[in-house]
Each structure stands twice: as C-alpha cells, then as structure tokens.
Amino acid sequence: MKRYIYLLSALIWITLATLAAAPFPEQEREDYQAYQKGYQLILEDRWEEALTQFNTFIAKYPRSSWTDEATYWQIYAREQVGEAVEAVFDSYVDFLNRFKNSNYRDEVRSNMLRLYVRLSPKGQEKHRAIVSDIRNQDDERIKLEAIYAIARGEDERSFKTLQGIYKSEKNDQIRGKIVHILADFDLQTVEPVIADIAKTDQSVSVRKKAVYALGDIESEASLRALQDLVRNDQAREIRKAALYAIGEFDGADISGFLREIAISGDDPELGKAATYALGEQDTKVSLDALREILKSGKQLEIRKAALYAIREQDSQSSLPWLVEIARSEPERELRKAAIYSIGEIESPEATRAMIGIFDGSTDSETRKTLMYAIKEQETPEAADFLKRVATGDSDPAVAKAAAYALADFYEDEEPAVLMDVLEKSRHAEVRRALIHQIGESESPESINALGRLLREEKDPETRRRIVMALGETGRDEALPHLMWAIRKETDLGVRRSAINALSELGTKAAEDSLFNLLQTGIR
C-alpha cells in the first residue's frame, strides 16, 4: 500500500506541474524474514520450534543465500533436541561438503571436534581420519591446547619450555597468549622475562600485552621496568600503555612520577595518559598533582584531562573552582569542559551555579554550552530555566540550543510544554527546532496544536516543516490539517510537502484522500 500511495502522490504533484519525488521503501525479502524467525527461536532456546522452522525454510528456499546458515542452525537444533550424536556428526560432514564458502565452516569444525569425544569407539574409528584432517587444519588451536597443558605444570621447567615456544613462535596472537601465561607463574624469573618481551618483541600488540602483564604483577621490579619504558622507549603506544599500567600502583612516589611526565612533557598524548593514570590514584597527593597540572600544564588537552580527572575524584568540593574556570578561564575549550563537568554534578548548587554563569556571560558559545549542560540536572529549576531562555533570549542560537535541550529533557513526555515554548518564542529557528520533537509524540493534542500553528504561521519554511512533521505521525488526526494545506496553502513548496506528507501517513484514510484528489482535482 505504501508504494502505491507514493505513486498517487507523484501523479497529484504532476497536476501542480512539478514532480513530487518520493523514495520507494525496500521490501524485506521473504526468505530473510523466515530465517530471522527461526534464528530468534534459537536465541530463545526453543529448539523444537526452531528445528521445525528451519526444516520448512530449507524445503521452501533451497537456493536462498541464507540456506547455509539455516542448515547450520537446523543441525545444531537437532543436537539440542537429543538426536543421535553420530547422525548429527554426519550432518556436519555433509555441511562441509555442500557449503564450501560458508562463514559457518569454522563453527561446524569446532562442533565436530566437540562431538567426536562423545562418539562410540566404533564411531570414532569411522571418523578418525576426518577429525585428524580438521585438527591439522586448525594448527593454532592445537598449539594453544599444548601450551595450556604445559602451563599446568606450574614449575621452572614448564616456564622455560614455554619461553622456548615463545621464542620460536611466529604468530603474534599465540605469543601474546604465552605472555599472559608466563606472567601467571609464581617465580622470581618472571619479571625480567616479561620486561624483556615488553622491550624487544617485534609486535607492538605483544609488547603492550607484556606491559599490562607487568602492571598486573605489581612488584618493585615490574614498576621499575614500566618506568624505564616510559622514559626510554621509542614507541608512543608502549609508553602510554606503561603509564596506564603504572596508574594501577599505589604510593606518593607514583603520583610524583606521573605528575612529572604530565607537567614537563610536550607530547599531549603521553601527558593525557599520565594525567588519567593520576586520576586512578585517588589520593590527596594525586589530587594536588592534578590541580597543579590544571594550573601549569603546557598543553590544553592535558589541562582538560586534569579537569576531568579531578571531577571524577572529588566532584562536590570541586564545584567552586569549576565555576571559577567556567567564568574566567581564557581558553574557551577549557571553559566548556568545566561547564560540562558542573552539569554532571547533579545538585541544586550546580544548577544555580550554571544559571549564574549564564546570566553573567556574553559569549554565545559559552551560553549555548550551558544549555546542554544544565539539562543533565533533570530538575524543575533546570526545566524552568531552559523554558525562559528558549522563549525570551535575544540570541537565536542560544534560544535554539535551549529548545533542543528542553526537548531532550522531556523526551516527548510533555509535548504541551514544548508547544507552549514554540508558540511563545520570538525566533523562527526555535519554532522550527521544536516542530519535529512535538510531532514525535503523535498525540492528538500535539497534532491539533501543530495544525493550528500551520494556519497561523507566517514563515513558509516553518509551515513546510509542520506538514512534514504531521506526515511523520502516521495518524489520521493529521489528515484534515494536511488536506487544508494542500487546498488552501499559498506557497507551492508547502503544498508539495503536504502532498508528500499525506503519502507518508500510510493509512487507509490517507489512501482514500489521495484517490479523491486524483479524481476531483485540487480545489
């Protein structure tokens, strides 16, 4: 029906000497819908129903692009309902033979290896060659099984054996897994081995795993190794990872080291990493260090990081100095960061502080930022303030920001409030901003309110947005207002939008109205 209504709208627009283009929605394929129905049953563990659904799917759509996935889930469901293990195994063999390019081949192989141990001795003998071939193909999995088996020894000999495997292994992922296994050994030789990997491995990914392993060990030796990496390594990613790992350690000396990196370094990425690591310390020493970075840091990004870290450590007592930064900091970005930080404190004092900052500011960007921050308070005082700005502020950009913030504040629960702001606002930009939000509520009251505004509004662009919002409601209450616009509207662009909006409704009454327009003409 929807597609046909679009065709009708196009024919009507031809009568106005202009093409009313409307996109044709893509129709979901029948086989995809059938597959999704079965897959949802799998997710809900409704195995027998899923099996029935996929049996039907395979019989009806044998050449569908979804047939391989449907076949996989059919076999899986057969196992879940208790079908004989050997029959399920044989079906997986058939799957591998039939679907050479399926994305599910790895899952099938994994399931076959799992089922193999449940086969009878006779069944294992029958399928031993198949399983052997799968294991040969899955070299990485076999290596990992061997590595985990060796690690269970938990002694010096096992540790050295794993070291040897690490040194000869070319696969980065396997070396990374070995690093974590080595770090779990309770031996004095662990730290120097992991530290050497962190310095020398050819893969940055593996080196980072070694860095984080050093952080997990939390010994004096691992701390010294991490500090050495921060000071001397050439790779920024390794130095950053080491800084984050150091942040997990405790102590005043740690805070002093991190403060030194943040204050003296010229690399903003490393400075930020050191600052965020300081934030994890959560001590008076670290808080004092963060405040010094905020005051004396060389890079704006590092100072912003210090601001956020301080807020996370001590949000309530940080309000006064956040307000001071928001009022007087020369750097606009830092002022905005302070405002957003105030907005996340969620207290009456924070709300009043932001209102005071707004009333004392003449900077448009700062005042707009305050709109988005204050809506996070979710209090009646914040809502009243946003309404005041949206309806009365002389700056259209600020009033528009307040309108958007107010719409987010209510989340379509109070369309009457938004309608009141829309009717009282002095700026067309604000009214346009609220039209879509009001229409989304889809209530008869909102639809009729938009209809009244449609008849009273003098700005054609605003009227065009009203008819578009009415069309998106999908409700017949919008129909008389759209018909009025089609027949009475003086602006041709608004009339065209009204016709398209009528087709968007997609209801039987809208279809009938389009038929009538075709038969009787627009008058």
Protein backbone atom coordinates (compact mmCIF):
# COMPACT_ATOMS: atom_id res chain seq x y z
CA MET A 1 0.00 0.00 0.00
CA LYS A 2 2.81 2.40 0.90
CA ARG A 3 4.42 2.16 -2.53
CA TYR A 4 1.09 2.70 -4.26
CA ILE A 5 0.40 5.77 -2.17
CA TYR A 6 3.74 7.22 -3.24
CA LEU A 7 2.73 6.72 -6.89
CA LEU A 8 -0.52 8.51 -6.25
CA SER A 9 1.29 11.42 -4.63
CA ALA A 10 3.55 11.69 -7.68
CA LEU A 11 0.54 11.83 -10.02
CA ILE A 12 -1.06 14.55 -7.92
CA TRP A 13 2.10 16.58 -7.94
CA ILE A 14 2.16 16.37 -11.75
CA THR A 15 -1.13 18.23 -11.70
CA LEU A 16 0.76 21.05 -9.99
CA ALA A 17 3.35 20.99 -12.83
CA THR A 18 6.15 19.72 -10.56
CA LEU A 19 7.39 16.21 -9.79
CA ALA A 20 6.78 15.15 -6.20
CA ALA A 21 9.58 12.61 -5.83
CA ALA A 22 9.13 10.04 -3.10
CA PRO A 23 11.51 7.17 -2.36
CA PHE A 24 10.33 3.59 -2.62
CA PRO A 25 10.97 1.66 0.58
CA GLU A 26 12.93 -1.53 0.21
CA GLN A 27 10.81 -4.60 0.88
CA GLU A 28 12.39 -7.15 3.18
CA ARG A 29 12.86 -10.47 1.41
CA GLU A 30 10.54 -13.29 2.39
CA ASP A 31 13.36 -15.80 2.88
CA TYR A 32 15.24 -13.41 5.17
CA GLN A 33 12.16 -12.93 7.33
CA ALA A 34 11.70 -16.70 7.54
CA TYR A 35 15.34 -17.15 8.52
CA GLN A 36 15.12 -14.46 11.20
CA LYS A 37 12.04 -16.13 12.69
CA GLY A 38 14.00 -19.37 13.11
CA TYR A 39 17.09 -17.60 14.43
CA GLN A 40 15.02 -15.81 17.08
CA LEU A 41 13.74 -19.21 18.25
CA ILE A 42 17.38 -20.35 18.55
CA LEU A 43 18.18 -17.33 20.72
CA GLU A 44 15.24 -18.22 22.95
CA ASP A 45 16.36 -21.88 23.26
CA ARG A 46 13.09 -23.06 21.71
CA TRP A 47 14.84 -25.92 19.96
CA GLU A 48 11.94 -28.00 18.67
CA GLU A 49 10.15 -24.96 17.20
CA ALA A 50 13.43 -23.76 15.67
CA LEU A 51 14.00 -27.19 14.11
CA THR A 52 10.54 -27.15 12.57
CA GLN A 53 11.05 -23.62 11.26
CA PHE A 54 14.41 -24.41 9.64
CA ASN A 55 13.15 -27.69 8.17
CA THR A 56 10.39 -25.69 6.49
CA PHE A 57 12.86 -23.00 5.39
CA ILE A 58 15.24 -25.49 3.73
CA ALA A 59 12.40 -27.22 1.91
CA LYS A 60 10.90 -23.93 0.68
CA TYR A 61 14.10 -21.96 -0.11
CA PRO A 62 16.75 -24.50 -1.19
CA ARG A 63 18.65 -21.87 -3.22
CA SER A 64 18.42 -18.94 -0.78
CA SER A 65 21.57 -17.07 0.21
CA TRP A 66 20.56 -17.91 3.80
CA THR A 67 20.35 -21.68 3.23
CA ASP A 68 23.82 -22.45 4.62
CA GLU A 69 23.11 -20.58 7.87
CA ALA A 70 19.68 -22.16 8.14
CA THR A 71 21.22 -25.61 7.62
CA TYR A 72 23.82 -24.95 10.32
CA TRP A 73 21.15 -23.99 12.86
CA GLN A 74 18.96 -26.90 11.81
CA ILE A 75 21.79 -29.34 12.60
CA TYR A 76 22.56 -27.54 15.85
CA ALA A 77 18.89 -27.71 16.90
CA ARG A 78 18.85 -31.45 16.12
CA GLU A 79 21.67 -31.91 18.61
CA GLN A 80 19.84 -29.86 21.24
CA VAL A 81 16.64 -31.92 20.98
CA GLY A 82 18.66 -35.10 21.63
CA GLU A 83 19.20 -36.64 18.20
CA ALA A 84 21.88 -39.33 17.99
CA VAL A 85 25.40 -37.87 18.15
CA GLU A 86 26.67 -39.81 15.15
CA ALA A 87 23.75 -38.63 12.97
CA VAL A 88 24.44 -35.02 13.91
CA PHE A 89 28.16 -35.52 13.25
CA ASP A 90 27.44 -36.98 9.82
CA SER A 91 25.22 -33.99 9.01
CA TYR A 92 28.11 -31.67 9.81
CA VAL A 93 30.32 -33.69 7.44
CA ASP A 94 27.68 -33.22 4.75
CA PHE A 95 27.58 -29.48 5.52
CA LEU A 96 31.32 -29.12 4.89
CA ASN A 97 30.95 -30.94 1.59
CA ARG A 98 27.95 -28.89 0.42
CA PHE A 99 28.85 -25.38 1.55
CA LYS A 100 32.45 -24.78 0.54
CA ASN A 101 32.34 -21.00 1.13
CA SER A 102 30.09 -20.74 4.18
CA ASN A 103 31.09 -18.43 7.00
CA TYR A 104 29.94 -21.17 9.39
CA ARG A 105 32.62 -23.72 8.44
CA ASP A 106 34.77 -22.90 11.48
CA GLU A 107 31.79 -23.33 13.83
CA VAL A 108 30.99 -26.65 12.17
CA ARG A 109 34.57 -27.91 12.62
CA SER A 110 34.56 -26.83 16.25
CA ASN A 111 31.28 -28.64 16.88
CA MET A 112 32.61 -31.78 15.18
CA LEU A 113 35.67 -31.81 17.44
CA ARG A 114 33.39 -31.42 20.46
CA LEU A 115 31.03 -34.19 19.33
CA TYR A 116 33.86 -36.58 18.44
CA VAL A 117 34.66 -37.33 22.09
CA ARG A 118 31.02 -38.35 22.61
CA LEU A 119 31.01 -40.86 19.77
CA SER A 120 31.14 -44.56 20.44
CA PRO A 121 34.52 -46.28 19.83
CA LYS A 122 33.10 -47.58 16.58
CA GLY A 123 32.01 -44.08 15.56
CA GLN A 124 35.38 -42.62 16.48
CA GLU A 125 37.15 -45.22 14.37
CA LYS A 126 34.86 -44.37 11.44
CA HIS A 127 35.51 -40.66 11.68
CA ARG A 128 39.11 -40.56 12.94
CA ALA A 129 40.53 -39.50 9.57
CA ILE A 130 38.05 -36.62 9.28
CA VAL A 131 38.87 -35.33 12.75
CA SER A 132 42.60 -35.72 12.13
CA ASP A 133 42.26 -33.60 8.99
CA ILE A 134 40.33 -30.93 10.90
CA ARG A 135 42.99 -30.82 13.61
CA ASN A 136 45.72 -30.44 11.03
CA GLN A 137 43.84 -27.50 9.51
CA ASP A 138 43.36 -25.93 12.96
CA ASP A 139 47.03 -25.61 13.84
CA GLU A 140 46.60 -22.59 16.12
CA ARG A 141 44.03 -24.34 18.29
CA ILE A 142 46.24 -27.39 18.70
CA LYS A 143 49.22 -25.25 19.65
CA LEU A 144 47.15 -23.45 22.30
CA GLU A 145 45.91 -26.73 23.73
CA ALA A 146 49.52 -27.86 24.05
CA ILE A 147 50.58 -24.54 25.61
CA TYR A 148 47.83 -24.67 28.23
CA ALA A 149 48.72 -28.27 29.02
CA ILE A 150 52.39 -27.31 29.60
CA ALA A 151 51.37 -24.34 31.78
CA ARG A 152 49.56 -26.67 34.18
CA GLY A 153 52.99 -27.85 35.33
CA GLU A 154 53.48 -24.50 37.16
CA ASP A 155 57.21 -25.08 37.72
CA GLU A 156 60.54 -23.75 36.43
CA ARG A 157 60.78 -26.47 33.80
CA SER A 158 57.32 -25.60 32.40
CA PHE A 159 58.25 -21.92 32.44
CA LYS A 160 61.43 -22.49 30.41
CA THR A 161 59.58 -24.75 27.97
CA LEU A 162 57.03 -22.00 27.34
CA GLN A 163 59.86 -19.48 26.89
CA GLY A 164 61.28 -21.68 24.17
CA ILE A 165 57.90 -21.94 22.45
CA TYR A 166 57.52 -18.15 22.65
CA LYS A 167 60.92 -17.54 21.01
CA SER A 168 60.20 -19.88 18.09
CA GLU A 169 56.56 -18.86 17.55
CA LYS A 170 55.84 -16.52 14.62
CA ASN A 171 52.12 -15.97 15.28
CA ASP A 172 51.58 -12.68 17.20
CA GLN A 173 48.33 -13.83 18.82
CA ILE A 174 49.88 -17.03 20.18
CA ARG A 175 52.92 -15.14 21.52
CA GLY A 176 50.55 -12.71 23.22
CA LYS A 177 48.71 -15.58 24.93
CA ILE A 178 52.03 -17.07 26.05
CA VAL A 179 52.94 -13.72 27.65
CA HIS A 180 49.83 -13.83 29.86
CA ILE A 181 50.51 -17.45 30.79
CA LEU A 182 54.15 -16.69 31.70
CA ALA A 183 53.09 -13.75 33.88
CA ASP A 184 50.94 -16.08 36.00
CA PHE A 185 53.93 -18.17 37.12
CA ASP A 186 54.98 -17.51 40.73
CA LEU A 187 58.72 -17.39 40.04
CA GLN A 188 61.44 -14.81 40.60
CA THR A 189 62.46 -15.06 36.96
CA VAL A 190 59.08 -13.82 35.69
CA GLU A 191 59.61 -10.02 35.82
CA PRO A 192 62.86 -9.85 33.80
CA VAL A 193 61.47 -12.20 31.14
CA ILE A 194 58.23 -10.19 30.74
CA ALA A 195 60.17 -6.90 30.83
CA ASP A 196 62.45 -8.13 28.04
CA ILE A 197 59.42 -9.07 25.93
CA ALA A 198 57.95 -5.61 26.53
CA LYS A 199 61.16 -4.06 25.19
CA THR A 200 62.10 -6.31 22.33
CA ASP A 201 59.18 -8.20 20.77
CA GLN A 202 58.69 -7.33 17.11
CA SER A 203 54.93 -6.80 17.58
CA VAL A 204 53.61 -3.69 19.34
CA SER A 205 50.49 -5.66 20.26
CA VAL A 206 52.52 -8.35 22.03
CA ARG A 207 54.67 -5.72 23.72
CA LYS A 208 51.56 -4.00 25.08
CA LYS A 209 50.35 -7.31 26.47
CA ALA A 210 53.68 -7.66 28.25
CA VAL A 211 53.37 -4.10 29.60
CA TYR A 212 49.93 -4.78 31.07
CA ALA A 213 51.23 -8.08 32.46
CA LEU A 214 53.95 -6.13 34.30
CA GLY A 215 51.24 -3.90 35.74
CA ASP A 216 49.31 -6.94 36.96
CA ILE A 217 52.41 -8.33 38.72
CA GLU A 218 52.70 -5.11 40.81
CA SER A 219 56.20 -5.71 42.15
CA GLU A 220 59.05 -3.26 42.62
CA ALA A 221 60.87 -4.87 39.72
CA SER A 222 57.87 -4.59 37.39
CA LEU A 223 57.36 -0.94 38.40
CA ARG A 224 60.98 -0.10 37.59
CA ALA A 225 60.62 -1.83 34.23
CA LEU A 226 57.49 0.19 33.43
CA GLN A 227 59.12 3.49 34.43
CA ASP A 228 62.10 2.64 32.23
CA LEU A 229 59.75 2.07 29.29
CA VAL A 230 58.07 5.45 29.86
CA ARG A 231 61.39 7.28 29.94
CA ASN A 232 63.25 5.50 27.17
CA ASP A 233 61.05 3.56 24.76
CA GLN A 234 60.65 4.95 21.27
CA ALA A 235 57.08 3.76 20.68
CA ARG A 236 54.39 6.12 21.94
CA GLU A 237 51.84 3.30 22.27
CA ILE A 238 54.17 1.39 24.59
CA ARG A 239 54.87 4.46 26.71
CA LYS A 240 51.14 5.20 27.02
CA ALA A 241 50.38 1.61 27.99
CA ALA A 242 53.15 1.74 30.60
CA LEU A 243 51.71 4.94 32.06
CA TYR A 244 48.27 3.38 32.39
CA ALA A 245 49.82 0.31 34.00
CA ILE A 246 51.75 2.48 36.48
CA GLY A 247 48.46 4.13 37.43
CA GLU A 248 47.37 0.82 38.94
CA PHE A 249 50.21 1.01 41.50
CA ASP A 250 49.80 2.91 44.80
CA GLY A 251 52.04 5.39 46.60
CA ALA A 252 53.18 9.04 46.66
CA ASP A 253 56.22 8.20 44.54
CA ILE A 254 53.91 7.00 41.76
CA SER A 255 51.96 10.26 41.82
CA GLY A 256 55.18 12.26 41.67
CA PHE A 257 56.43 10.31 38.67
CA LEU A 258 53.15 10.73 36.78
CA ARG A 259 52.99 14.45 37.64
CA GLU A 260 56.50 14.93 36.26
CA ILE A 261 55.52 13.36 32.92
CA ALA A 262 52.32 15.42 32.65
CA ILE A 263 53.92 18.76 33.60
CA SER A 264 57.20 18.51 31.71
CA GLY A 265 56.27 16.53 28.61
CA ASP A 266 55.47 18.17 25.29
CA ASP A 267 53.57 15.17 23.92
CA PRO A 268 49.86 15.73 24.68
CA GLU A 269 49.01 12.03 24.28
CA LEU A 270 51.56 10.98 26.88
CA GLY A 271 50.63 13.89 29.11
CA LYS A 272 46.97 12.87 28.99
CA ALA A 273 47.85 9.25 29.73
CA ALA A 274 49.89 10.31 32.77
CA THR A 275 47.09 12.59 33.92
CA TYR A 276 44.39 9.93 33.63
CA ALA A 277 46.68 7.49 35.43
CA LEU A 278 46.99 10.05 38.23
CA GLY A 279 43.22 10.15 38.38
CA GLU A 280 43.22 6.43 39.19
CA GLN A 281 45.35 7.08 42.30
CA ASP A 282 42.51 8.79 44.18
CA THR A 283 44.68 10.23 46.99
CA LYS A 284 45.28 13.73 48.35
CA VAL A 285 48.76 13.71 46.79
CA SER A 286 47.37 12.80 43.38
CA LEU A 287 44.58 15.38 43.70
CA ASP A 288 47.11 18.12 44.47
CA ALA A 289 49.18 16.98 41.48
CA LEU A 290 46.14 17.15 39.20
CA ARG A 291 45.35 20.67 40.37
CA GLU A 292 48.92 21.71 39.61
CA ILE A 293 48.65 20.20 36.12
CA LEU A 294 45.40 22.07 35.55
CA LYS A 295 47.09 25.31 36.53
CA SER A 296 50.51 24.85 34.95
CA GLY A 297 50.18 22.26 32.18
CA LYS A 298 51.74 23.19 28.84
CA GLN A 299 49.07 21.64 26.64
CA LEU A 300 45.34 22.42 26.62
CA GLU A 301 44.44 18.74 26.17
CA ILE A 302 46.49 17.81 29.25
CA ARG A 303 44.81 20.52 31.31
CA LYS A 304 41.38 19.29 30.17
CA ALA A 305 42.34 15.75 31.17
CA ALA A 306 43.32 17.04 34.61
CA LEU A 307 39.99 18.79 34.94
CA TYR A 308 38.05 15.62 34.15
CA ALA A 309 40.23 13.54 36.47
CA ILE A 310 39.71 15.96 39.36
CA ARG A 311 35.96 15.89 38.83
CA GLU A 312 35.97 12.11 38.99
CA GLN A 313 37.95 12.14 42.24
CA ASP A 314 36.18 14.92 44.12
CA SER A 315 33.08 16.20 42.34
CA GLN A 316 31.24 18.03 45.14
CA SER A 317 34.14 20.01 46.58
CA SER A 318 35.36 20.78 43.06
CA LEU A 319 32.28 22.92 42.26
CA PRO A 320 33.74 26.32 43.34
CA TRP A 321 36.87 26.08 41.23
CA LEU A 322 34.94 24.62 38.30
CA VAL A 323 32.73 27.69 38.44
CA GLU A 324 35.79 29.93 38.54
CA ILE A 325 37.23 28.22 35.45
CA ALA A 326 33.89 28.50 33.64
CA ARG A 327 33.77 32.23 34.40
CA SER A 328 37.31 33.40 33.85
CA GLU A 329 39.49 30.84 32.04
CA PRO A 330 40.86 32.43 28.81
CA GLU A 331 40.74 29.12 26.91
CA ARG A 332 37.20 28.61 25.61
CA GLU A 333 37.58 24.81 25.36
CA LEU A 334 38.59 24.58 28.99
CA ARG A 335 35.64 26.77 29.98
CA LYS A 336 33.32 24.40 28.10
CA ALA A 337 34.91 21.38 29.76
CA ALA A 338 34.35 22.98 33.17
CA ILE A 339 30.70 23.68 32.32
CA TYR A 340 30.05 20.09 31.27
CA SER A 341 31.74 18.94 34.47
CA ILE A 342 29.43 21.14 36.52
CA GLY A 343 26.46 19.70 34.64
CA GLU A 344 27.38 16.19 35.77
CA ILE A 345 27.49 17.07 39.49
CA GLU A 346 23.66 16.89 39.80
CA SER A 347 22.87 19.13 42.75
CA PRO A 348 20.81 22.30 43.31
CA GLU A 349 24.06 24.16 43.90
CA ALA A 350 25.32 23.08 40.47
CA THR A 351 22.09 24.20 38.81
CA ARG A 352 22.22 27.62 40.44
CA ALA A 353 25.91 27.96 39.60
CA MET A 354 25.23 27.37 35.89
CA ILE A 355 22.35 29.84 35.86
CA GLY A 356 24.64 32.41 37.46
CA ILE A 357 27.37 31.77 34.90
CA PHE A 358 24.82 32.15 32.10
CA ASP A 359 23.42 35.43 33.42
CA GLY A 360 26.92 36.85 33.71
CA SER A 361 28.22 35.73 30.30
CA THR A 362 28.06 37.46 26.92
CA ASP A 363 29.88 34.72 24.98
CA SER A 364 27.42 32.91 22.72
CA GLU A 365 29.33 29.60 22.69
CA THR A 366 29.62 29.53 26.47
CA ARG A 367 25.91 30.25 26.86
CA LYS A 368 24.99 27.51 24.34
CA THR A 369 27.20 25.04 26.18
CA LEU A 370 25.36 25.87 29.40
CA MET A 371 22.06 24.83 27.80
CA TYR A 372 23.30 21.33 27.05
CA ALA A 373 24.96 21.00 30.45
CA ILE A 374 22.07 22.20 32.58
CA LYS A 375 19.59 19.75 31.07
CA GLU A 376 21.56 16.95 32.75
CA GLN A 377 20.31 18.22 36.11
CA GLU A 378 16.78 16.88 35.42
CA THR A 379 15.15 19.19 37.98
CA PRO A 380 12.15 21.55 37.71
CA GLU A 381 14.50 24.50 38.24
CA ALA A 382 16.59 23.42 35.25
CA ALA A 383 13.46 22.97 33.10
CA ASP A 384 12.11 26.41 34.02
CA PHE A 385 15.44 27.97 33.15
CA LEU A 386 15.54 26.29 29.74
CA LYS A 387 11.98 27.48 29.01
CA ARG A 388 12.94 31.03 29.96
CA VAL A 389 15.92 31.04 27.60
CA ALA A 390 14.09 29.30 24.73
CA THR A 391 11.23 31.81 24.78
CA GLY A 392 12.98 35.01 25.73
CA ASP A 393 16.68 35.11 24.94
CA SER A 394 17.69 37.66 22.31
CA ASP A 395 20.34 35.38 20.75
CA PRO A 396 18.61 32.98 18.30
CA ALA A 397 21.43 30.43 18.50
CA VAL A 398 21.26 30.31 22.30
CA ALA A 399 17.47 30.12 22.32
CA LYS A 400 17.59 27.29 19.76
CA ALA A 401 20.11 25.39 21.91
CA ALA A 402 17.77 25.80 24.87
CA ALA A 403 14.87 24.46 22.80
CA TYR A 404 16.81 21.35 21.78
CA ALA A 405 17.95 20.82 25.37
CA LEU A 406 14.37 21.18 26.57
CA ALA A 407 13.18 18.59 24.03
CA ASP A 408 15.86 16.17 25.29
CA PHE A 409 14.88 16.97 28.86
CA TYR A 410 11.28 15.86 28.35
CA GLU A 411 11.95 13.13 25.76
CA ASP A 412 8.49 13.55 24.17
CA GLU A 413 6.70 13.10 27.51
CA GLU A 414 5.44 16.67 27.78
CA PRO A 415 4.53 17.92 24.28
CA ALA A 416 2.30 20.62 25.81
CA VAL A 417 5.36 22.25 27.38
CA LEU A 418 7.21 22.25 24.08
CA MET A 419 4.13 23.60 22.29
CA ASP A 420 3.92 26.44 24.78
CA VAL A 421 7.56 27.34 24.09
CA LEU A 422 7.00 27.07 20.35
CA GLU A 423 4.05 29.47 20.44
CA LYS A 424 5.82 32.00 22.68
CA SER A 425 9.24 32.02 21.04
CA ARG A 426 10.29 35.12 19.15
CA HIS A 427 12.65 33.22 16.82
CA ALA A 428 11.69 31.18 13.76
CA GLU A 429 14.77 28.98 14.34
CA VAL A 430 13.42 27.93 17.72
CA ARG A 431 9.96 27.14 16.39
CA ARG A 432 11.45 25.01 13.61
CA ALA A 433 13.65 23.18 16.10
CA LEU A 434 10.65 22.16 18.21
CA ILE A 435 8.23 21.15 15.45
CA HIS A 436 9.76 17.72 14.84
CA GLN A 437 10.02 16.92 18.56
CA ILE A 438 6.37 17.82 19.12
CA GLY A 439 5.24 15.71 16.17
CA GLU A 440 7.12 12.69 17.53
CA SER A 441 4.75 12.46 20.50
CA GLU A 442 1.98 11.52 17.99
CA SER A 443 -0.73 12.54 20.45
CA PRO A 444 -3.98 14.06 19.09
CA GLU A 445 -3.33 17.18 21.18
CA SER A 446 0.10 17.71 19.62
CA ILE A 447 -1.20 17.05 16.10
CA ASN A 448 -4.05 19.54 16.51
CA ALA A 449 -1.68 22.09 18.03
CA LEU A 450 0.57 21.78 15.00
CA GLY A 451 -2.48 22.14 12.77
CA ARG A 452 -3.42 25.41 14.45
CA LEU A 453 0.13 26.67 14.11
CA LEU A 454 0.10 25.70 10.43
CA ARG A 455 -2.80 28.11 9.83
CA GLU A 456 -1.28 30.93 11.87
CA GLU A 457 2.43 30.72 10.96
CA LYS A 458 3.68 33.35 8.53
CA ASP A 459 7.06 31.80 7.68
CA PRO A 460 6.74 29.36 4.69
CA GLU A 461 9.74 27.27 5.74
CA THR A 462 8.27 26.77 9.19
CA ARG A 463 4.91 25.78 7.64
CA ARG A 464 6.72 23.29 5.40
CA ARG A 465 8.34 21.71 8.44
CA ILE A 466 4.97 21.50 10.16
CA VAL A 467 3.39 19.50 7.34
CA MET A 468 6.43 17.19 7.23
CA ALA A 469 6.10 16.57 10.98
CA LEU A 470 2.39 15.89 10.56
CA GLY A 471 3.11 13.31 7.87
CA GLU A 472 5.58 11.51 10.13
CA THR A 473 2.97 10.96 12.85
CA GLY A 474 1.28 8.17 10.86
CA ARG A 475 -2.08 9.12 12.41
CA ASP A 476 -5.38 10.07 10.78
CA GLU A 477 -5.71 13.07 13.11
CA ALA A 478 -3.14 14.78 10.86
CA LEU A 479 -5.27 14.24 7.74
CA PRO A 480 -7.55 17.32 7.90
CA HIS A 481 -4.57 19.59 8.53
CA LEU A 482 -2.68 18.22 5.55
CA MET A 483 -5.75 18.46 3.33
CA TRP A 484 -6.15 22.09 4.38
CA ALA A 485 -2.54 22.76 3.36
CA ILE A 486 -3.00 21.02 0.01
CA ARG A 487 -6.11 23.03 -0.83
CA LYS A 488 -5.52 26.39 0.91
CA GLU A 489 -1.78 26.88 1.21
CA THR A 490 -0.50 29.75 -0.95
CA ASP A 491 3.14 28.61 -1.10
CA LEU A 492 3.74 25.97 -3.79
CA GLY A 493 6.64 24.37 -1.88
CA VAL A 494 4.49 23.91 1.21
CA ARG A 495 1.70 22.35 -0.90
CA ARG A 496 4.18 19.93 -2.43
CA SER A 497 5.44 18.95 1.02
CA ALA A 498 1.87 18.49 2.21
CA ILE A 499 1.17 16.03 -0.63
CA ASN A 500 4.31 14.05 0.22
CA ALA A 501 3.37 14.17 3.90
CA LEU A 502 -0.08 12.79 3.08
CA SER A 503 1.56 9.84 1.32
CA GLU A 504 3.82 9.34 4.35
CA LEU A 505 0.81 8.78 6.62
CA GLY A 506 0.32 5.38 5.05
CA THR A 507 -3.24 4.89 6.38
CA LYS A 508 -6.41 3.80 4.57
CA ALA A 509 -7.91 7.27 5.04
CA ALA A 510 -4.80 8.84 3.51
CA GLU A 511 -5.03 6.49 0.54
CA ASP A 512 -8.71 7.40 0.03
CA SER A 513 -7.87 11.09 0.20
CA LEU A 514 -5.22 10.69 -2.47
CA PHE A 515 -7.70 8.87 -4.71
CA ASN A 516 -10.20 11.67 -4.25
CA LEU A 517 -7.59 14.26 -5.11
CA LEU A 518 -6.82 12.42 -8.31
CA GLN A 519 -10.46 12.19 -9.30
CA THR A 520 -11.68 15.63 -8.29
CA GLY A 521 -8.52 17.69 -8.55
CA ILE A 522 -7.14 20.14 -6.03
CA ARG A 523 -9.65 22.83 -5.23
